[in-house]
Amino acid sequence: MSRESENVENIKNVENASKKNTVIYIPITQDSVNEFKNQIFPLNSDILFVFDIEDTLYRIDKEITDLKLKIIREMAQHFKISENEMIKRTAKYTKEYGSPMRGFYDHFKIEPDVLEKTKDVFVDLSHKIDFDIDLIQFLKNLPGRKICLTNSNLKHSSHIFKLKRFDEVFEALIHCDYGDLKYLCKPKEEVFKFVEDIFQVKNTSKIMFYDDLDENIKAAKDRGWNAFKVDLTTNTIQEIVKNSIKTI
């Protein structure tokens, strides 16, 4: 079978799948555990695959990186600081808080509506976020349950989910709530415990976690998760997952 024919066959398999997941979108808030726990089956003996999204399930290209720089410039003007200072603070807050905007909330009292406007610009890049049929087929065939855990907000992450057709694969998307000025995000321990509580995890060694940031990997390991660093410049996510499964 030619490569082209194989791709067509894979697409048909996905299109004709008898069941499509209905994704549950879960904000990381104190109220969510009680609200959503009854909608999620307990983990029991299954493996739970937990994926970050950007630079984990797909690689951010140059145009998206340039757009992020544009946002940094606009935010620098908003806060009346230099672009270089804004870049430094973005890196600093990403490391300290897991999300730069979480740091800006604390240090600059940024309003949620300002942040929402910066996220809106990503919608214009829909044409740059392509659909990977081989990845979807691979994820569908993984022997376990699958969710995503992101530091993005609902608007941005759900948009990506639809464009990439991840909504056909994952049963839940756990995301940050930017409307809360004290919102939680990775690598805070509470975020990983939140996942455990939602899925009523009794054995954290049943969790396989994939992320591109060292601090998130460390935090997951501290909770007893199997955590694997993702570097899409050297390996595909498929290769990383295949190799990780061999370790358990």
C-alpha atoms as a PDB file:
ATOM      1  CA  MET A   1       0.000   0.000   0.000  1.00  0.00           C
ATOM      2  CA  SER A   2       1.392   3.412  -0.976  1.00  0.00           C
ATOM      3  CA  ARG A   3       1.911   6.151   1.600  1.00  0.00           C
ATOM      4  CA  GLU A   4      -0.914   8.149   0.003  1.00  0.00           C
ATOM      5  CA  SER A   5      -3.292   5.167   0.095  1.00  0.00           C
ATOM      6  CA  GLU A   6      -2.346   4.476   3.706  1.00  0.00           C
ATOM      7  CA  ASN A   7      -3.151   8.073   4.672  1.00  0.00           C
ATOM      8  CA  VAL A   8      -6.517   7.860   2.913  1.00  0.00           C
ATOM      9  CA  GLU A   9      -7.287   4.622   4.765  1.00  0.00           C
ATOM     10  CA  ASN A  10      -6.313   6.178   8.103  1.00  0.00           C
ATOM     11  CA  ILE A  11      -8.541   9.160   7.434  1.00  0.00           C
ATOM     12  CA  LYS A  12     -11.454   6.827   6.668  1.00  0.00           C
ATOM     13  CA  ASN A  13     -10.828   4.960   9.913  1.00  0.00           C
ATOM     14  CA  VAL A  14     -11.032   8.183  11.877  1.00  0.00           C
ATOM     15  CA  GLU A  15     -14.008   9.559   9.950  1.00  0.00           C
ATOM     16  CA  ASN A  16     -15.959   6.324  10.310  1.00  0.00           C
ATOM     17  CA  ALA A  17     -15.187   5.739  13.969  1.00  0.00           C
ATOM     18  CA  SER A  18     -18.390   4.486  15.532  1.00  0.00           C
ATOM     19  CA  LYS A  19     -17.890   6.523  18.690  1.00  0.00           C
ATOM     20  CA  LYS A  20     -16.659  10.056  19.084  1.00  0.00           C
ATOM     21  CA  ASN A  21     -15.662  11.287  22.491  1.00  0.00           C
ATOM     22  CA  THR A  22     -17.664  14.014  24.116  1.00  0.00           C
ATOM     23  CA  VAL A  23     -14.910  16.038  25.732  1.00  0.00           C
ATOM     24  CA  ILE A  24     -15.482  17.295  29.262  1.00  0.00           C
ATOM     25  CA  TYR A  25     -13.857  20.706  29.756  1.00  0.00           C
ATOM     26  CA  ILE A  26     -12.754  21.072  33.372  1.00  0.00           C
ATOM     27  CA  PRO A  27     -11.410  24.336  34.846  1.00  0.00           C
ATOM     28  CA  ILE A  28      -8.860  24.005  37.641  1.00  0.00           C
ATOM     29  CA  THR A  29     -10.915  25.513  40.462  1.00  0.00           C
ATOM     30  CA  GLN A  30     -11.857  24.493  43.985  1.00  0.00           C
ATOM     31  CA  ASP A  31     -15.455  23.874  42.963  1.00  0.00           C
ATOM     32  CA  SER A  32     -14.610  21.663  39.989  1.00  0.00           C
ATOM     33  CA  VAL A  33     -13.776  18.521  41.944  1.00  0.00           C
ATOM     34  CA  ASN A  34     -17.283  18.265  43.381  1.00  0.00           C
ATOM     35  CA  GLU A  35     -18.883  19.443  40.135  1.00  0.00           C
ATOM     36  CA  PHE A  36     -17.109  17.091  37.738  1.00  0.00           C
ATOM     37  CA  LYS A  37     -16.069  14.071  39.783  1.00  0.00           C
ATOM     38  CA  ASN A  38     -19.435  12.403  39.260  1.00  0.00           C
ATOM     39  CA  GLN A  39     -19.093  12.859  35.481  1.00  0.00           C
ATOM     40  CA  ILE A  40     -15.779  10.993  35.378  1.00  0.00           C
ATOM     41  CA  PHE A  41     -15.429   7.258  35.942  1.00  0.00           C
ATOM     42  CA  PRO A  42     -12.805   6.431  38.604  1.00  0.00           C
ATOM     43  CA  LEU A  43      -9.465   5.360  37.152  1.00  0.00           C
ATOM     44  CA  ASN A  44      -9.437   1.856  38.713  1.00  0.00           C
ATOM     45  CA  SER A  45      -6.966  -0.422  36.872  1.00  0.00           C
ATOM     46  CA  ASP A  46      -6.612   1.615  33.660  1.00  0.00           C
ATOM     47  CA  ILE A  47      -3.559   3.610  32.645  1.00  0.00           C
ATOM     48  CA  LEU A  48      -4.226   7.353  32.469  1.00  0.00           C
ATOM     49  CA  PHE A  49      -2.260   9.171  29.759  1.00  0.00           C
ATOM     50  CA  VAL A  50      -1.960  12.889  30.533  1.00  0.00           C
ATOM     51  CA  PHE A  51      -0.607  15.217  27.830  1.00  0.00           C
ATOM     52  CA  ASP A  52       0.332  18.853  27.728  1.00  0.00           C
ATOM     53  CA  ILE A  53      -0.702  20.389  24.385  1.00  0.00           C
ATOM     54  CA  GLU A  54       1.641  22.992  22.841  1.00  0.00           C
ATOM     55  CA  ASP A  55       5.163  21.707  22.122  1.00  0.00           C
ATOM     56  CA  THR A  56       4.028  18.297  23.350  1.00  0.00           C
ATOM     57  CA  LEU A  57       1.276  17.083  21.026  1.00  0.00           C
ATOM     58  CA  TYR A  58       2.354  19.471  18.299  1.00  0.00           C
ATOM     59  CA  ARG A  59       5.258  21.800  17.681  1.00  0.00           C
ATOM     60  CA  ILE A  60       4.716  25.547  17.687  1.00  0.00           C
ATOM     61  CA  ASP A  61       5.976  26.962  14.396  1.00  0.00           C
ATOM     62  CA  LYS A  62       7.773  30.241  13.714  1.00  0.00           C
ATOM     63  CA  GLU A  63       4.643  32.203  12.818  1.00  0.00           C
ATOM     64  CA  ILE A  64       3.030  31.342  16.138  1.00  0.00           C
ATOM     65  CA  THR A  65       6.283  32.206  17.946  1.00  0.00           C
ATOM     66  CA  ASP A  66       6.340  35.563  16.145  1.00  0.00           C
ATOM     67  CA  LEU A  67       2.759  36.147  17.216  1.00  0.00           C
ATOM     68  CA  LYS A  68       3.699  35.511  20.832  1.00  0.00           C
ATOM     69  CA  LEU A  69       6.447  38.114  20.490  1.00  0.00           C
ATOM     70  CA  LYS A  70       3.863  40.532  19.135  1.00  0.00           C
ATOM     71  CA  ILE A  71       1.728  39.903  22.213  1.00  0.00           C
ATOM     72  CA  ILE A  72       4.745  40.551  24.449  1.00  0.00           C
ATOM     73  CA  ARG A  73       5.299  43.905  22.722  1.00  0.00           C
ATOM     74  CA  GLU A  74       1.654  44.873  23.172  1.00  0.00           C
ATOM     75  CA  MET A  75       1.707  43.845  26.823  1.00  0.00           C
ATOM     76  CA  ALA A  76       4.937  45.803  27.352  1.00  0.00           C
ATOM     77  CA  GLN A  77       3.195  48.913  26.047  1.00  0.00           C
ATOM     78  CA  HIS A  78       0.214  48.208  28.292  1.00  0.00           C
ATOM     79  CA  PHE A  79       2.437  47.913  31.382  1.00  0.00           C
ATOM     80  CA  LYS A  80       4.700  50.779  30.259  1.00  0.00           C
ATOM     81  CA  ILE A  81       7.903  48.741  30.479  1.00  0.00           C
ATOM     82  CA  SER A  82      10.575  48.001  27.867  1.00  0.00           C
ATOM     83  CA  GLU A  83      10.284  45.043  25.509  1.00  0.00           C
ATOM     84  CA  ASN A  84      13.497  43.513  26.921  1.00  0.00           C
ATOM     85  CA  GLU A  85      12.149  43.799  30.456  1.00  0.00           C
ATOM     86  CA  MET A  86       8.902  42.200  29.326  1.00  0.00           C
ATOM     87  CA  ILE A  87      10.782  39.259  27.778  1.00  0.00           C
ATOM     88  CA  LYS A  88      12.794  38.781  30.981  1.00  0.00           C
ATOM     89  CA  ARG A  89       9.688  38.874  33.128  1.00  0.00           C
ATOM     90  CA  THR A  90       7.878  36.463  30.805  1.00  0.00           C
ATOM     91  CA  ALA A  91      10.689  33.908  31.221  1.00  0.00           C
ATOM     92  CA  LYS A  92      10.906  34.545  34.972  1.00  0.00           C
ATOM     93  CA  TYR A  93       7.175  34.197  35.601  1.00  0.00           C
ATOM     94  CA  THR A  94       6.921  31.122  33.379  1.00  0.00           C
ATOM     95  CA  LYS A  95       9.524  29.404  35.554  1.00  0.00           C
ATOM     96  CA  GLU A  96       8.129  30.635  38.879  1.00  0.00           C
ATOM     97  CA  TYR A  97       4.397  30.326  38.216  1.00  0.00           C
ATOM     98  CA  GLY A  98       4.117  27.917  35.289  1.00  0.00           C
ATOM     99  CA  SER A  99       2.332  30.637  33.309  1.00  0.00           C
ATOM    100  CA  PRO A 100       3.669  34.153  32.642  1.00  0.00           C
ATOM    101  CA  MET A 101       0.214  35.690  32.961  1.00  0.00           C
ATOM    102  CA  ARG A 102      -0.143  34.225  36.440  1.00  0.00           C
ATOM    103  CA  GLY A 103       2.924  36.276  37.402  1.00  0.00           C
ATOM    104  CA  PHE A 104       1.608  39.404  35.709  1.00  0.00           C
ATOM    105  CA  TYR A 105      -1.634  39.020  37.652  1.00  0.00           C
ATOM    106  CA  ASP A 106       0.305  39.185  40.910  1.00  0.00           C
ATOM    107  CA  HIS A 107       2.885  41.829  40.049  1.00  0.00           C
ATOM    108  CA  PHE A 108       0.957  44.138  37.722  1.00  0.00           C
ATOM    109  CA  LYS A 109      -2.654  43.497  38.742  1.00  0.00           C
ATOM    110  CA  ILE A 110      -3.532  42.696  35.131  1.00  0.00           C
ATOM    111  CA  GLU A 111      -7.264  42.438  34.525  1.00  0.00           C
ATOM    112  CA  PRO A 112      -8.705  39.197  33.063  1.00  0.00           C
ATOM    113  CA  ASP A 113     -10.254  40.999  30.079  1.00  0.00           C
ATOM    114  CA  VAL A 114      -6.815  42.287  29.019  1.00  0.00           C
ATOM    115  CA  LEU A 115      -5.496  38.734  28.958  1.00  0.00           C
ATOM    116  CA  GLU A 116      -8.506  37.454  27.034  1.00  0.00           C
ATOM    117  CA  LYS A 117      -7.826  39.994  24.280  1.00  0.00           C
ATOM    118  CA  THR A 118      -4.269  38.703  23.865  1.00  0.00           C
ATOM    119  CA  LYS A 119      -5.546  35.144  23.496  1.00  0.00           C
ATOM    120  CA  ASP A 120      -8.042  36.150  20.802  1.00  0.00           C
ATOM    121  CA  VAL A 121      -5.277  36.781  18.282  1.00  0.00           C
ATOM    122  CA  PHE A 122      -4.442  33.066  18.106  1.00  0.00           C
ATOM    123  CA  VAL A 123      -7.782  32.438  16.423  1.00  0.00           C
ATOM    124  CA  ASP A 124      -6.399  34.223  13.356  1.00  0.00           C
ATOM    125  CA  LEU A 125      -3.771  31.505  12.960  1.00  0.00           C
ATOM    126  CA  SER A 126      -6.197  28.657  12.374  1.00  0.00           C
ATOM    127  CA  HIS A 127      -4.656  28.014   8.972  1.00  0.00           C
ATOM    128  CA  LYS A 128      -1.250  27.387  10.579  1.00  0.00           C
ATOM    129  CA  ILE A 129      -2.442  24.637  12.910  1.00  0.00           C
ATOM    130  CA  ASP A 130      -2.633  21.533  10.768  1.00  0.00           C
ATOM    131  CA  PHE A 131      -4.313  18.220  11.420  1.00  0.00           C
ATOM    132  CA  ASP A 132      -2.091  15.126  11.875  1.00  0.00           C
ATOM    133  CA  ILE A 133      -4.074  12.010  10.985  1.00  0.00           C
ATOM    134  CA  ASP A 134      -1.237   9.659  11.968  1.00  0.00           C
ATOM    135  CA  LEU A 135      -1.059  11.197  15.433  1.00  0.00           C
ATOM    136  CA  ILE A 136      -4.818  10.914  15.913  1.00  0.00           C
ATOM    137  CA  GLN A 137      -4.763   7.253  14.893  1.00  0.00           C
ATOM    138  CA  PHE A 138      -1.835   6.588  17.240  1.00  0.00           C
ATOM    139  CA  LEU A 139      -3.566   8.261  20.182  1.00  0.00           C
ATOM    140  CA  LYS A 140      -6.794   6.385  19.503  1.00  0.00           C
ATOM    141  CA  ASN A 141      -4.905   3.096  19.668  1.00  0.00           C
ATOM    142  CA  LEU A 142      -3.202   3.828  22.995  1.00  0.00           C
ATOM    143  CA  PRO A 143      -4.320   1.208  25.541  1.00  0.00           C
ATOM    144  CA  GLY A 144      -5.709   3.437  28.266  1.00  0.00           C
ATOM    145  CA  ARG A 145      -7.617   6.602  29.065  1.00  0.00           C
ATOM    146  CA  LYS A 146      -6.428   9.917  27.681  1.00  0.00           C
ATOM    147  CA  ILE A 147      -6.731  13.532  28.836  1.00  0.00           C
ATOM    148  CA  CYS A 148      -4.945  16.842  28.324  1.00  0.00           C
ATOM    149  CA  LEU A 149      -3.670  19.126  31.083  1.00  0.00           C
ATOM    150  CA  THR A 150      -2.809  22.641  29.917  1.00  0.00           C
ATOM    151  CA  ASN A 151      -1.898  26.015  31.380  1.00  0.00           C
ATOM    152  CA  SER A 152      -3.958  27.696  28.653  1.00  0.00           C
ATOM    153  CA  ASN A 153      -7.483  28.957  29.191  1.00  0.00           C
ATOM    154  CA  LEU A 154     -10.646  27.340  27.831  1.00  0.00           C
ATOM    155  CA  LYS A 155     -11.050  29.637  24.815  1.00  0.00           C
ATOM    156  CA  HIS A 156      -7.581  29.017  23.431  1.00  0.00           C
ATOM    157  CA  SER A 157      -7.214  25.324  24.304  1.00  0.00           C
ATOM    158  CA  SER A 158     -10.684  24.279  23.110  1.00  0.00           C
ATOM    159  CA  HIS A 159     -10.067  26.110  19.818  1.00  0.00           C
ATOM    160  CA  ILE A 160      -6.839  24.142  19.331  1.00  0.00           C
ATOM    161  CA  PHE A 161      -8.647  20.944  20.303  1.00  0.00           C
ATOM    162  CA  LYS A 162     -11.156  21.359  17.497  1.00  0.00           C
ATOM    163  CA  LEU A 163      -8.587  22.368  14.878  1.00  0.00           C
ATOM    164  CA  LYS A 164      -6.337  19.417  15.690  1.00  0.00           C
ATOM    165  CA  ARG A 165      -9.344  17.094  16.160  1.00  0.00           C
ATOM    166  CA  PHE A 166      -8.117  16.124  19.611  1.00  0.00           C
ATOM    167  CA  ASP A 167     -11.757  16.191  20.673  1.00  0.00           C
ATOM    168  CA  GLU A 168     -12.065  12.809  18.951  1.00  0.00           C
ATOM    169  CA  VAL A 169      -9.400  11.291  21.195  1.00  0.00           C
ATOM    170  CA  PHE A 170      -9.415  12.785  24.683  1.00  0.00           C
ATOM    171  CA  GLU A 171     -12.163  12.374  27.254  1.00  0.00           C
ATOM    172  CA  ALA A 172     -11.266  15.534  29.169  1.00  0.00           C
ATOM    173  CA  LEU A 173      -9.383  18.799  28.809  1.00  0.00           C
ATOM    174  CA  ILE A 174      -8.264  20.248  32.136  1.00  0.00           C
ATOM    175  CA  HIS A 175      -7.451  23.936  31.744  1.00  0.00           C
ATOM    176  CA  CYS A 176      -6.720  27.096  33.728  1.00  0.00           C
ATOM    177  CA  ASP A 177      -9.389  29.584  34.740  1.00  0.00           C
ATOM    178  CA  TYR A 178      -7.973  33.002  33.839  1.00  0.00           C
ATOM    179  CA  GLY A 179     -11.042  34.659  35.320  1.00  0.00           C
ATOM    180  CA  ASP A 180      -9.613  33.884  38.759  1.00  0.00           C
ATOM    181  CA  LEU A 181      -6.763  36.253  39.591  1.00  0.00           C
ATOM    182  CA  LYS A 182      -5.229  33.516  41.760  1.00  0.00           C
ATOM    183  CA  TYR A 183      -5.692  30.761  39.189  1.00  0.00           C
ATOM    184  CA  LEU A 184      -3.701  27.551  39.592  1.00  0.00           C
ATOM    185  CA  CYS A 185      -1.437  26.131  36.892  1.00  0.00           C
ATOM    186  CA  LYS A 186       1.400  23.658  36.474  1.00  0.00           C
ATOM    187  CA  PRO A 187       3.843  23.132  38.151  1.00  0.00           C
ATOM    188  CA  LYS A 188       1.840  23.797  41.332  1.00  0.00           C
ATOM    189  CA  GLU A 189       1.361  20.568  43.286  1.00  0.00           C
ATOM    190  CA  GLU A 190      -2.338  21.371  43.710  1.00  0.00           C
ATOM    191  CA  VAL A 191      -2.853  20.986  39.946  1.00  0.00           C
ATOM    192  CA  PHE A 192      -1.543  17.420  39.908  1.00  0.00           C
ATOM    193  CA  LYS A 193      -3.551  16.556  43.006  1.00  0.00           C
ATOM    194  CA  PHE A 194      -6.580  18.072  41.251  1.00  0.00           C
ATOM    195  CA  VAL A 195      -6.237  15.515  38.441  1.00  0.00           C
ATOM    196  CA  GLU A 196      -5.909  12.717  40.984  1.00  0.00           C
ATOM    197  CA  ASP A 197      -9.047  13.875  42.797  1.00  0.00           C
ATOM    198  CA  ILE A 198     -11.123  14.260  39.621  1.00  0.00           C
ATOM    199  CA  PHE A 199     -10.230  10.739  38.484  1.00  0.00           C
ATOM    200  CA  GLN A 200     -10.241   9.306  42.025  1.00  0.00           C
ATOM    201  CA  VAL A 201      -6.741   7.929  41.484  1.00  0.00           C
ATOM    202  CA  LYS A 202      -5.663   5.443  44.129  1.00  0.00           C
ATOM    203  CA  ASN A 203      -2.342   4.507  42.547  1.00  0.00           C
ATOM    204  CA  THR A 204      -0.413   7.384  40.944  1.00  0.00           C
ATOM    205  CA  SER A 205       1.943   4.948  39.207  1.00  0.00           C
ATOM    206  CA  LYS A 206      -0.963   4.374  36.800  1.00  0.00           C
ATOM    207  CA  ILE A 207      -0.466   7.890  35.391  1.00  0.00           C
ATOM    208  CA  MET A 208       1.742   8.569  32.342  1.00  0.00           C
ATOM    209  CA  PHE A 209       2.501  12.283  31.960  1.00  0.00           C
ATOM    210  CA  TYR A 210       4.096  14.098  28.997  1.00  0.00           C
ATOM    211  CA  ASP A 211       5.238  17.731  29.027  1.00  0.00           C
ATOM    212  CA  ASP A 212       7.951  19.903  27.487  1.00  0.00           C
ATOM    213  CA  LEU A 213       8.935  21.768  30.684  1.00  0.00           C
ATOM    214  CA  ASP A 214      11.371  20.381  33.264  1.00  0.00           C
ATOM    215  CA  GLU A 215       9.594  21.979  36.227  1.00  0.00           C
ATOM    216  CA  ASN A 216       6.314  20.282  35.279  1.00  0.00           C
ATOM    217  CA  ILE A 217       8.038  16.913  34.915  1.00  0.00           C
ATOM    218  CA  LYS A 218       9.618  17.272  38.360  1.00  0.00           C
ATOM    219  CA  ALA A 219       6.312  18.250  39.974  1.00  0.00           C
ATOM    220  CA  ALA A 220       4.578  15.231  38.444  1.00  0.00           C
ATOM    221  CA  LYS A 221       7.316  12.861  39.593  1.00  0.00           C
ATOM    222  CA  ASP A 222       7.034  14.300  43.099  1.00  0.00           C
ATOM    223  CA  ARG A 223       3.402  13.090  43.091  1.00  0.00           C
ATOM    224  CA  GLY A 224       4.467   9.603  42.022  1.00  0.00           C
ATOM    225  CA  TRP A 225       3.474   9.990  38.365  1.00  0.00           C
ATOM    226  CA  ASN A 226       5.477   8.461  35.521  1.00  0.00           C
ATOM    227  CA  ALA A 227       6.642  11.665  33.833  1.00  0.00           C
ATOM    228  CA  PHE A 228       8.459  12.058  30.518  1.00  0.00           C
ATOM    229  CA  LYS A 229      10.113  15.153  29.062  1.00  0.00           C
ATOM    230  CA  VAL A 230       9.040  15.936  25.499  1.00  0.00           C
ATOM    231  CA  ASP A 231      11.424  17.499  22.993  1.00  0.00           C
ATOM    232  CA  LEU A 232       9.816  17.531  19.570  1.00  0.00           C
ATOM    233  CA  THR A 233      13.037  18.757  17.954  1.00  0.00           C
ATOM    234  CA  THR A 234      14.596  15.327  18.496  1.00  0.00           C
ATOM    235  CA  ASN A 235      11.671  12.861  18.617  1.00  0.00           C
ATOM    236  CA  THR A 236       8.013  12.649  17.688  1.00  0.00           C
ATOM    237  CA  ILE A 237       5.487  12.344  20.484  1.00  0.00           C
ATOM    238  CA  GLN A 238       4.655   8.882  19.110  1.00  0.00           C
ATOM    239  CA  GLU A 239       8.260   7.732  19.618  1.00  0.00           C
ATOM    240  CA  ILE A 240       8.393   9.245  23.101  1.00  0.00           C
ATOM    241  CA  VAL A 241       5.183   7.524  24.176  1.00  0.00           C
ATOM    242  CA  LYS A 242       6.217   4.168  22.691  1.00  0.00           C
ATOM    243  CA  ASN A 243       9.545   4.276  24.537  1.00  0.00           C
ATOM    244  CA  SER A 244       7.892   5.375  27.784  1.00  0.00           C
ATOM    245  CA  ILE A 245       5.444   2.465  27.749  1.00  0.00           C
ATOM    246  CA  LYS A 246       8.386   0.055  27.701  1.00  0.00           C
ATOM    247  CA  THR A 247       9.483   1.387  31.100  1.00  0.00           C
ATOM    248  CA  ILE A 248       6.343   0.335  32.985  1.00  0.00           C
END
